[in-house]
């Protein structure tokens, strides 16, 4: 699975719009769209923020291995994710 497909699946699984995900990851809505369509490759900062915001997906994000993708179930509330993702 390509990174853009992974990002789109993660975003939809977690119930985020492109705009809300962009805000959480210190990106832009256009940037998220470009990642999802494969027109832009993620840089280190974006990947770090993504893994920090969604640690349960880290192995799947980094390897693309479908066996490491967490099962769809309730996760942290959006507010907790935002607090845990503050860029240092």
PDB file of N, CA and C in Angstrom:
ATOM      1  N   UNK A   1       0.842  -1.170   0.000  1.00  0.00           N
ATOM      2  CA  UNK A   1       0.000   0.000   0.000  1.00  0.00           C
ATOM      3  C   UNK A   1       0.893   1.240   0.000  1.00  0.00           C
ATOM      4  N   UNK A   2       0.584   2.175  -0.838  1.00  0.00           N
ATOM      5  CA  UNK A   2       1.336   3.428  -0.916  1.00  0.00           C
ATOM      6  C   UNK A   2       1.045   4.309   0.298  1.00  0.00           C
ATOM      7  N   UNK A   3       1.985   5.222   0.615  1.00  0.00           N
ATOM      8  CA  UNK A   3       1.830   6.080   1.770  1.00  0.00           C
ATOM      9  C   UNK A   3       0.531   6.879   1.717  1.00  0.00           C
ATOM     10  N   UNK A   4       0.207   7.442   0.569  1.00  0.00           N
ATOM     11  CA  UNK A   4      -1.012   8.245   0.443  1.00  0.00           C
ATOM     12  C   UNK A   4      -2.263   7.451   0.774  1.00  0.00           C
ATOM     13  N   UNK A   5      -2.296   6.200   0.335  1.00  0.00           N
ATOM     14  CA  UNK A   5      -3.437   5.337   0.650  1.00  0.00           C
ATOM     15  C   UNK A   5      -3.490   5.061   2.149  1.00  0.00           C
ATOM     16  N   UNK A   6      -2.317   4.847   2.747  1.00  0.00           N
ATOM     17  CA  UNK A   6      -2.257   4.619   4.193  1.00  0.00           C
ATOM     18  C   UNK A   6      -2.784   5.838   4.946  1.00  0.00           C
ATOM     19  N   UNK A   7      -2.314   7.005   4.554  1.00  0.00           N
ATOM     20  CA  UNK A   7      -2.712   8.228   5.239  1.00  0.00           C
ATOM     21  C   UNK A   7      -4.218   8.437   5.130  1.00  0.00           C
ATOM     22  N   UNK A   8      -4.759   8.234   3.954  1.00  0.00           N
ATOM     23  CA  UNK A   8      -6.206   8.396   3.757  1.00  0.00           C
ATOM     24  C   UNK A   8      -6.974   7.402   4.623  1.00  0.00           C
ATOM     25  N   UNK A   9      -6.523   6.146   4.648  1.00  0.00           N
ATOM     26  CA  UNK A   9      -7.197   5.122   5.444  1.00  0.00           C
ATOM     27  C   UNK A   9      -7.113   5.454   6.936  1.00  0.00           C
ATOM     28  N   UNK A  10      -5.948   5.859   7.399  1.00  0.00           N
ATOM     29  CA  UNK A  10      -5.776   6.236   8.800  1.00  0.00           C
ATOM     30  C   UNK A  10      -6.705   7.400   9.149  1.00  0.00           C
ATOM     31  N   UNK A  11      -6.700   8.408   8.294  1.00  0.00           N
ATOM     32  CA  UNK A  11      -7.516   9.599   8.546  1.00  0.00           C
ATOM     33  C   UNK A  11      -8.994   9.238   8.635  1.00  0.00           C
ATOM     34  N   UNK A  12      -9.478   8.450   7.696  1.00  0.00           N
ATOM     35  CA  UNK A  12     -10.891   8.079   7.689  1.00  0.00           C
ATOM     36  C   UNK A  12     -11.232   7.145   8.844  1.00  0.00           C
ATOM     37  N   UNK A  13     -10.327   6.232   9.160  1.00  0.00           N
ATOM     38  CA  UNK A  13     -10.533   5.320  10.281  1.00  0.00           C
ATOM     39  C   UNK A  13     -10.683   6.080  11.586  1.00  0.00           C
ATOM     40  N   UNK A  14      -9.882   7.123  11.740  1.00  0.00           N
ATOM     41  CA  UNK A  14      -9.901   7.915  12.968  1.00  0.00           C
ATOM     42  C   UNK A  14     -10.938   9.037  12.941  1.00  0.00           C
ATOM     43  N   UNK A  15     -11.619   9.203  11.804  1.00  0.00           N
ATOM     44  CA  UNK A  15     -12.703  10.177  11.716  1.00  0.00           C
ATOM     45  C   UNK A  15     -12.266  11.623  11.528  1.00  0.00           C
ATOM     46  N   UNK A  16     -11.109  11.832  10.919  1.00  0.00           N
ATOM     47  CA  UNK A  16     -10.605  13.186  10.694  1.00  0.00           C
ATOM     48  C   UNK A  16     -10.920  13.652   9.281  1.00  0.00           C
ATOM     49  N   UNK A  17     -11.191  14.938   9.139  1.00  0.00           N
ATOM     50  CA  UNK A  17     -11.239  15.554   7.820  1.00  0.00           C
ATOM     51  C   UNK A  17      -9.795  15.905   7.453  1.00  0.00           C
ATOM     52  N   UNK A  18      -9.547  16.229   6.209  1.00  0.00           N
ATOM     53  CA  UNK A  18      -8.202  16.657   5.820  1.00  0.00           C
ATOM     54  C   UNK A  18      -7.804  17.910   6.595  1.00  0.00           C
ATOM     55  N   UNK A  19      -8.762  18.790   6.798  1.00  0.00           N
ATOM     56  CA  UNK A  19      -8.487  20.039   7.498  1.00  0.00           C
ATOM     57  C   UNK A  19      -8.103  19.788   8.962  1.00  0.00           C
ATOM     58  N   UNK A  20      -8.851  18.949   9.662  1.00  0.00           N
ATOM     59  CA  UNK A  20      -8.544  18.658  11.063  1.00  0.00           C
ATOM     60  C   UNK A  20      -7.220  17.901  11.207  1.00  0.00           C
ATOM     61  N   UNK A  21      -6.962  16.982  10.305  1.00  0.00           N
ATOM     62  CA  UNK A  21      -5.699  16.244  10.367  1.00  0.00           C
ATOM     63  C   UNK A  21      -4.528  17.188  10.118  1.00  0.00           C
ATOM     64  N   UNK A  22      -4.696  18.093   9.173  1.00  0.00           N
ATOM     65  CA  UNK A  22      -3.637  19.063   8.882  1.00  0.00           C
ATOM     66  C   UNK A  22      -3.313  19.897  10.118  1.00  0.00           C
ATOM     67  N   UNK A  23      -4.332  20.337  10.808  1.00  0.00           N
ATOM     68  CA  UNK A  23      -4.125  21.143  12.014  1.00  0.00           C
ATOM     69  C   UNK A  23      -3.407  20.325  13.081  1.00  0.00           C
ATOM     70  N   UNK A  24      -3.809  19.094  13.277  1.00  0.00           N
ATOM     71  CA  UNK A  24      -3.191  18.217  14.262  1.00  0.00           C
ATOM     72  C   UNK A  24      -1.710  17.982  13.964  1.00  0.00           C
ATOM     73  N   UNK A  25      -1.377  17.853  12.675  1.00  0.00           N
ATOM     74  CA  UNK A  25      -0.013  17.497  12.270  1.00  0.00           C
ATOM     75  C   UNK A  25       0.841  18.692  11.868  1.00  0.00           C
ATOM     76  N   UNK A  26       0.353  19.900  12.124  1.00  0.00           N
ATOM     77  CA  UNK A  26       1.093  21.108  11.780  1.00  0.00           C
ATOM     78  C   UNK A  26       1.429  21.130  10.295  1.00  0.00           C
ATOM     79  N   UNK A  27       0.403  20.862   9.499  1.00  0.00           N
ATOM     80  CA  UNK A  27       0.534  20.834   8.046  1.00  0.00           C
ATOM     81  C   UNK A  27      -0.573  21.716   7.481  1.00  0.00           C
ATOM     82  N   UNK A  28      -0.831  21.573   6.198  1.00  0.00           N
ATOM     83  CA  UNK A  28      -1.925  22.312   5.566  1.00  0.00           C
ATOM     84  C   UNK A  28      -2.887  21.308   4.938  1.00  0.00           C
ATOM     85  N   UNK A  29      -4.099  21.749   4.738  1.00  0.00           N
ATOM     86  CA  UNK A  29      -5.091  20.886   4.101  1.00  0.00           C
ATOM     87  C   UNK A  29      -4.625  20.488   2.700  1.00  0.00           C
ATOM     88  N   UNK A  30      -4.032  21.418   1.992  1.00  0.00           N
ATOM     89  CA  UNK A  30      -3.503  21.122   0.653  1.00  0.00           C
ATOM     90  C   UNK A  30      -2.380  20.092   0.753  1.00  0.00           C
ATOM     91  N   UNK A  31      -1.521  20.246   1.772  1.00  0.00           N
ATOM     92  CA  UNK A  31      -0.440  19.279   1.976  1.00  0.00           C
ATOM     93  C   UNK A  31      -0.972  17.878   2.195  1.00  0.00           C
ATOM     94  N   UNK A  32      -1.999  17.749   3.032  1.00  0.00           N
ATOM     95  CA  UNK A  32      -2.603  16.436   3.285  1.00  0.00           C
ATOM     96  C   UNK A  32      -3.156  15.863   1.985  1.00  0.00           C
ATOM     97  N   UNK A  33      -3.817  16.700   1.211  1.00  0.00           N
ATOM     98  CA  UNK A  33      -4.368  16.249  -0.070  1.00  0.00           C
ATOM     99  C   UNK A  33      -3.251  15.763  -1.002  1.00  0.00           C
ATOM    100  N   UNK A  34      -2.147  16.501  -1.033  1.00  0.00           N
ATOM    101  CA  UNK A  34      -1.023  16.102  -1.893  1.00  0.00           C
ATOM    102  C   UNK A  34      -0.398  14.785  -1.433  1.00  0.00           C
ATOM    103  N   UNK A  35      -0.278  14.598  -0.117  1.00  0.00           N
ATOM    104  CA  UNK A  35       0.227  13.315   0.402  1.00  0.00           C
ATOM    105  C   UNK A  35      -0.712  12.181   0.012  1.00  0.00           C
ATOM    106  N   UNK A  36      -2.015  12.404   0.201  1.00  0.00           N
ATOM    107  CA  UNK A  36      -2.990  11.350  -0.067  1.00  0.00           C
ATOM    108  C   UNK A  36      -3.066  10.975  -1.542  1.00  0.00           C
ATOM    109  N   UNK A  37      -2.813  11.916  -2.416  1.00  0.00           N
ATOM    110  CA  UNK A  37      -2.873  11.612  -3.849  1.00  0.00           C
ATOM    111  C   UNK A  37      -1.518  11.173  -4.405  1.00  0.00           C
ATOM    112  N   UNK A  38      -0.500  11.136  -3.552  1.00  0.00           N
ATOM    113  CA  UNK A  38       0.817  10.691  -3.990  1.00  0.00           C
ATOM    114  C   UNK A  38       1.607  11.738  -4.741  1.00  0.00           C
ATOM    115  N   UNK A  39       1.175  12.980  -4.689  1.00  0.00           N
ATOM    116  CA  UNK A  39       1.872  14.053  -5.393  1.00  0.00           C
ATOM    117  C   UNK A  39       2.974  14.681  -4.544  1.00  0.00           C
ATOM    118  N   UNK A  40       3.026  14.294  -3.273  1.00  0.00           N
ATOM    119  CA  UNK A  40       4.081  14.777  -2.378  1.00  0.00           C
ATOM    120  C   UNK A  40       4.480  13.631  -1.460  1.00  0.00           C
ATOM    121  N   UNK A  41       5.783  13.518  -1.224  1.00  0.00           N
ATOM    122  CA  UNK A  41       6.286  12.524  -0.284  1.00  0.00           C
ATOM    123  C   UNK A  41       6.476  13.181   1.078  1.00  0.00           C
ATOM    124  N   UNK A  42       6.185  12.454   2.147  1.00  0.00           N
ATOM    125  CA  UNK A  42       6.303  13.041   3.476  1.00  0.00           C
ATOM    126  C   UNK A  42       7.761  13.276   3.858  1.00  0.00           C
ATOM    127  N   UNK A  43       7.996  14.380   4.562  1.00  0.00           N
ATOM    128  CA  UNK A  43       9.341  14.632   5.076  1.00  0.00           C
ATOM    129  C   UNK A  43       9.420  14.094   6.506  1.00  0.00           C
ATOM    130  N   UNK A  44      10.592  14.188   7.099  1.00  0.00           N
ATOM    131  CA  UNK A  44      10.813  13.654   8.438  1.00  0.00           C
ATOM    132  C   UNK A  44       9.923  14.275   9.493  1.00  0.00           C
ATOM    133  N   UNK A  45       9.733  15.576   9.423  1.00  0.00           N
ATOM    134  CA  UNK A  45       8.903  16.270  10.407  1.00  0.00           C
ATOM    135  C   UNK A  45       7.461  15.777  10.340  1.00  0.00           C
ATOM    136  N   UNK A  46       6.951  15.630   9.127  1.00  0.00           N
ATOM    137  CA  UNK A  46       5.574  15.164   8.972  1.00  0.00           C
ATOM    138  C   UNK A  46       5.417  13.752   9.531  1.00  0.00           C
ATOM    139  N   UNK A  47       6.349  12.864   9.188  1.00  0.00           N
ATOM    140  CA  UNK A  47       6.284  11.481   9.680  1.00  0.00           C
ATOM    141  C   UNK A  47       6.387  11.436  11.201  1.00  0.00           C
ATOM    142  N   UNK A  48       7.269  12.272  11.760  1.00  0.00           N
ATOM    143  CA  UNK A  48       7.427  12.317  13.216  1.00  0.00           C
ATOM    144  C   UNK A  48       6.112  12.746  13.870  1.00  0.00           C
ATOM    145  N   UNK A  49       5.497  13.792  13.348  1.00  0.00           N
ATOM    146  CA  UNK A  49       4.233  14.275  13.902  1.00  0.00           C
ATOM    147  C   UNK A  49       3.124  13.239  13.748  1.00  0.00           C
ATOM    148  N   UNK A  50       3.116  12.551  12.618  1.00  0.00           N
ATOM    149  CA  UNK A  50       2.106  11.525  12.370  1.00  0.00           C
ATOM    150  C   UNK A  50       2.251  10.374  13.360  1.00  0.00           C
ATOM    151  N   UNK A  51       3.474   9.930  13.556  1.00  0.00           N
ATOM    152  CA  UNK A  51       3.721   8.818  14.491  1.00  0.00           C
ATOM    153  C   UNK A  51       3.469   9.237  15.938  1.00  0.00           C
ATOM    154  N   UNK A  52       3.734  10.483  16.245  1.00  0.00           N
ATOM    155  CA  UNK A  52       3.488  10.977  17.602  1.00  0.00           C
ATOM    156  C   UNK A  52       1.991  11.090  17.863  1.00  0.00           C
ATOM    157  N   UNK A  53       1.242  11.520  16.872  1.00  0.00           N
ATOM    158  CA  UNK A  53      -0.202  11.667  17.016  1.00  0.00           C
ATOM    159  C   UNK A  53      -0.914  10.316  17.038  1.00  0.00           C
ATOM    160  N   UNK A  54      -0.379   9.353  16.302  1.00  0.00           N
ATOM    161  CA  UNK A  54      -1.017   8.043  16.175  1.00  0.00           C
ATOM    162  C   UNK A  54       0.002   6.936  16.444  1.00  0.00           C
ATOM    163  N   UNK A  55       0.511   6.829  17.677  1.00  0.00           N
ATOM    164  CA  UNK A  55       1.572   5.859  17.965  1.00  0.00           C
ATOM    165  C   UNK A  55       1.163   4.411  17.699  1.00  0.00           C
ATOM    166  N   UNK A  56      -0.114   4.118  17.824  1.00  0.00           N
ATOM    167  CA  UNK A  56      -0.566   2.748  17.577  1.00  0.00           C
ATOM    168  C   UNK A  56      -0.444   2.356  16.103  1.00  0.00           C
ATOM    169  N   UNK A  57      -0.254   3.346  15.229  1.00  0.00           N
ATOM    170  CA  UNK A  57      -0.095   3.079  13.794  1.00  0.00           C
ATOM    171  C   UNK A  57       1.365   3.154  13.341  1.00  0.00           C
ATOM    172  N   UNK A  58       2.286   3.461  14.245  1.00  0.00           N
ATOM    173  CA  UNK A  58       3.667   3.742  13.852  1.00  0.00           C
ATOM    174  C   UNK A  58       4.293   2.618  13.017  1.00  0.00           C
ATOM    175  N   UNK A  59       4.200   1.396  13.466  1.00  0.00           N
ATOM    176  CA  UNK A  59       4.806   0.290  12.726  1.00  0.00           C
ATOM    177  C   UNK A  59       4.195   0.176  11.329  1.00  0.00           C
ATOM    178  N   UNK A  60       2.898   0.299  11.243  1.00  0.00           N
ATOM    179  CA  UNK A  60       2.214   0.202   9.953  1.00  0.00           C
ATOM    180  C   UNK A  60       2.601   1.354   9.038  1.00  0.00           C
ATOM    181  N   UNK A  61       2.700   2.571   9.595  1.00  0.00           N
ATOM    182  CA  UNK A  61       3.082   3.738   8.804  1.00  0.00           C
ATOM    183  C   UNK A  61       4.487   3.554   8.229  1.00  0.00           C
ATOM    184  N   UNK A  62       5.401   3.071   9.062  1.00  0.00           N
ATOM    185  CA  UNK A  62       6.795   2.965   8.645  1.00  0.00           C
ATOM    186  C   UNK A  62       7.065   1.773   7.720  1.00  0.00           C
ATOM    187  N   UNK A  63       6.329   0.687   7.887  1.00  0.00           N
ATOM    188  CA  UNK A  63       6.602  -0.508   7.084  1.00  0.00           C
ATOM    189  C   UNK A  63       5.613  -0.713   5.947  1.00  0.00           C
ATOM    190  N   UNK A  64       4.385  -0.229   6.122  1.00  0.00           N
ATOM    191  CA  UNK A  64       3.350  -0.475   5.126  1.00  0.00           C
ATOM    192  C   UNK A  64       2.796  -1.881   5.186  1.00  0.00           C
ATOM    193  N   UNK A  65       3.252  -2.663   6.162  1.00  0.00           N
ATOM    194  CA  UNK A  65       2.826  -4.051   6.311  1.00  0.00           C
ATOM    195  C   UNK A  65       1.399  -4.097   6.855  1.00  0.00           C
ATOM    196  N   UNK A  66       0.485  -4.648   6.075  1.00  0.00           N
ATOM    197  CA  UNK A  66      -0.919  -4.664   6.477  1.00  0.00           C
ATOM    198  C   UNK A  66      -1.147  -5.454   7.760  1.00  0.00           C
ATOM    199  N   UNK A  67      -0.255  -6.375   8.080  1.00  0.00           N
ATOM    200  CA  UNK A  67      -0.416  -7.156   9.305  1.00  0.00           C
ATOM    201  C   UNK A  67      -0.163  -6.326  10.553  1.00  0.00           C
ATOM    202  N   UNK A  68       0.535  -5.202  10.416  1.00  0.00           N
ATOM    203  CA  UNK A  68       0.819  -4.372  11.585  1.00  0.00           C
ATOM    204  C   UNK A  68      -0.195  -3.249  11.765  1.00  0.00           C
ATOM    205  N   UNK A  69      -1.186  -3.167  10.878  1.00  0.00           N
ATOM    206  CA  UNK A  69      -2.206  -2.130  11.029  1.00  0.00           C
ATOM    207  C   UNK A  69      -3.127  -2.493  12.178  1.00  0.00           C
ATOM    208  N   UNK A  70      -3.305  -1.565  13.127  1.00  0.00           N
ATOM    209  CA  UNK A  70      -4.198  -1.843  14.251  1.00  0.00           C
ATOM    210  C   UNK A  70      -5.621  -2.083  13.788  1.00  0.00           C
ATOM    211  N   UNK A  71      -6.356  -2.842  14.569  1.00  0.00           N
ATOM    212  CA  UNK A  71      -7.763  -3.071  14.287  1.00  0.00           C
ATOM    213  C   UNK A  71      -8.519  -1.762  14.520  1.00  0.00           C
ATOM    214  N   UNK A  72      -9.579  -1.569  13.776  1.00  0.00           N
ATOM    215  CA  UNK A  72     -10.390  -0.366  13.936  1.00  0.00           C
ATOM    216  C   UNK A  72     -11.153  -0.492  15.253  1.00  0.00           C
ATOM    217  N   UNK A  73     -10.831   0.393  16.171  1.00  0.00           N
ATOM    218  CA  UNK A  73     -11.517   0.450  17.451  1.00  0.00           C
ATOM    219  C   UNK A  73     -11.369   1.852  18.020  1.00  0.00           C
ATOM    220  N   UNK A  74     -12.128   2.194  19.036  1.00  0.00           N
ATOM    221  CA  UNK A  74     -12.025   3.551  19.590  1.00  0.00           C
ATOM    222  C   UNK A  74     -10.626   3.817  20.129  1.00  0.00           C
ATOM    223  N   UNK A  75     -10.108   4.997  19.833  1.00  0.00           N
ATOM    224  CA  UNK A  75      -8.789   5.403  20.315  1.00  0.00           C
ATOM    225  C   UNK A  75      -8.950   6.628  21.197  1.00  0.00           C
ATOM    226  N   UNK A  76      -7.837   7.274  21.466  1.00  0.00           N
ATOM    227  CA  UNK A  76      -7.875   8.488  22.272  1.00  0.00           C
ATOM    228  C   UNK A  76      -8.841   9.508  21.683  1.00  0.00           C
ATOM    229  N   UNK A  77      -9.345  10.347  22.553  1.00  0.00           N
ATOM    230  CA  UNK A  77     -10.183  11.434  22.080  1.00  0.00           C
ATOM    231  C   UNK A  77      -9.323  12.438  21.342  1.00  0.00           C
ATOM    232  N   UNK A  78      -9.937  13.173  20.432  1.00  0.00           N
ATOM    233  CA  UNK A  78      -9.208  14.145  19.606  1.00  0.00           C
ATOM    234  C   UNK A  78      -8.421  15.127  20.466  1.00  0.00           C
ATOM    235  N   UNK A  79      -8.995  15.611  21.555  1.00  0.00           N
ATOM    236  CA  UNK A  79      -8.311  16.576  22.414  1.00  0.00           C
ATOM    237  C   UNK A  79      -7.014  15.980  22.965  1.00  0.00           C
ATOM    238  N   UNK A  80      -7.030  14.730  23.387  1.00  0.00           N
ATOM    239  CA  UNK A  80      -5.835  14.082  23.916  1.00  0.00           C
ATOM    240  C   UNK A  80      -4.770  13.954  22.835  1.00  0.00           C
ATOM    241  N   UNK A  81      -5.176  13.641  21.618  1.00  0.00           N
ATOM    242  CA  UNK A  81      -4.214  13.525  20.523  1.00  0.00           C
ATOM    243  C   UNK A  81      -3.539  14.878  20.287  1.00  0.00           C
ATOM    244  N   UNK A  82      -4.318  15.945  20.280  1.00  0.00           N
ATOM    245  CA  UNK A  82      -3.774  17.281  20.057  1.00  0.00           C
ATOM    246  C   UNK A  82      -2.766  17.608  21.149  1.00  0.00           C
ATOM    247  N   UNK A  83      -3.103  17.332  22.396  1.00  0.00           N
ATOM    248  CA  UNK A  83      -2.190  17.622  23.494  1.00  0.00           C
ATOM    249  C   UNK A  83      -0.909  16.796  23.409  1.00  0.00           C
ATOM    250  N   UNK A  84      -1.001  15.564  22.950  1.00  0.00           N
ATOM    251  CA  UNK A  84       0.165  14.686  22.859  1.00  0.00           C
ATOM    252  C   UNK A  84       1.021  14.962  21.626  1.00  0.00           C
ATOM    253  N   UNK A  85       0.538  15.774  20.704  1.00  0.00           N
ATOM    254  CA  UNK A  85       1.233  15.972  19.436  1.00  0.00           C
ATOM    255  C   UNK A  85       1.953  17.316  19.355  1.00  0.00           C
ATOM    256  N   UNK A  86       1.899  18.102  20.384  1.00  0.00           N
ATOM    257  CA  UNK A  86       2.553  19.408  20.344  1.00  0.00           C
ATOM    258  C   UNK A  86       3.999  19.248  19.881  1.00  0.00           C
ATOM    259  N   UNK A  87       4.369  20.004  18.857  1.00  0.00           N
ATOM    260  CA  UNK A  87       5.711  19.952  18.298  1.00  0.00           C
ATOM    261  C   UNK A  87       6.658  20.695  19.226  1.00  0.00           C
ATOM    262  N   UNK A  88       7.756  20.056  19.538  1.00  0.00           N
ATOM    263  CA  UNK A  88       8.748  20.655  20.455  1.00  0.00           C
ATOM    264  C   UNK A  88       9.829  21.352  19.672  1.00  0.00           C
TER     265      UNK A  88
END
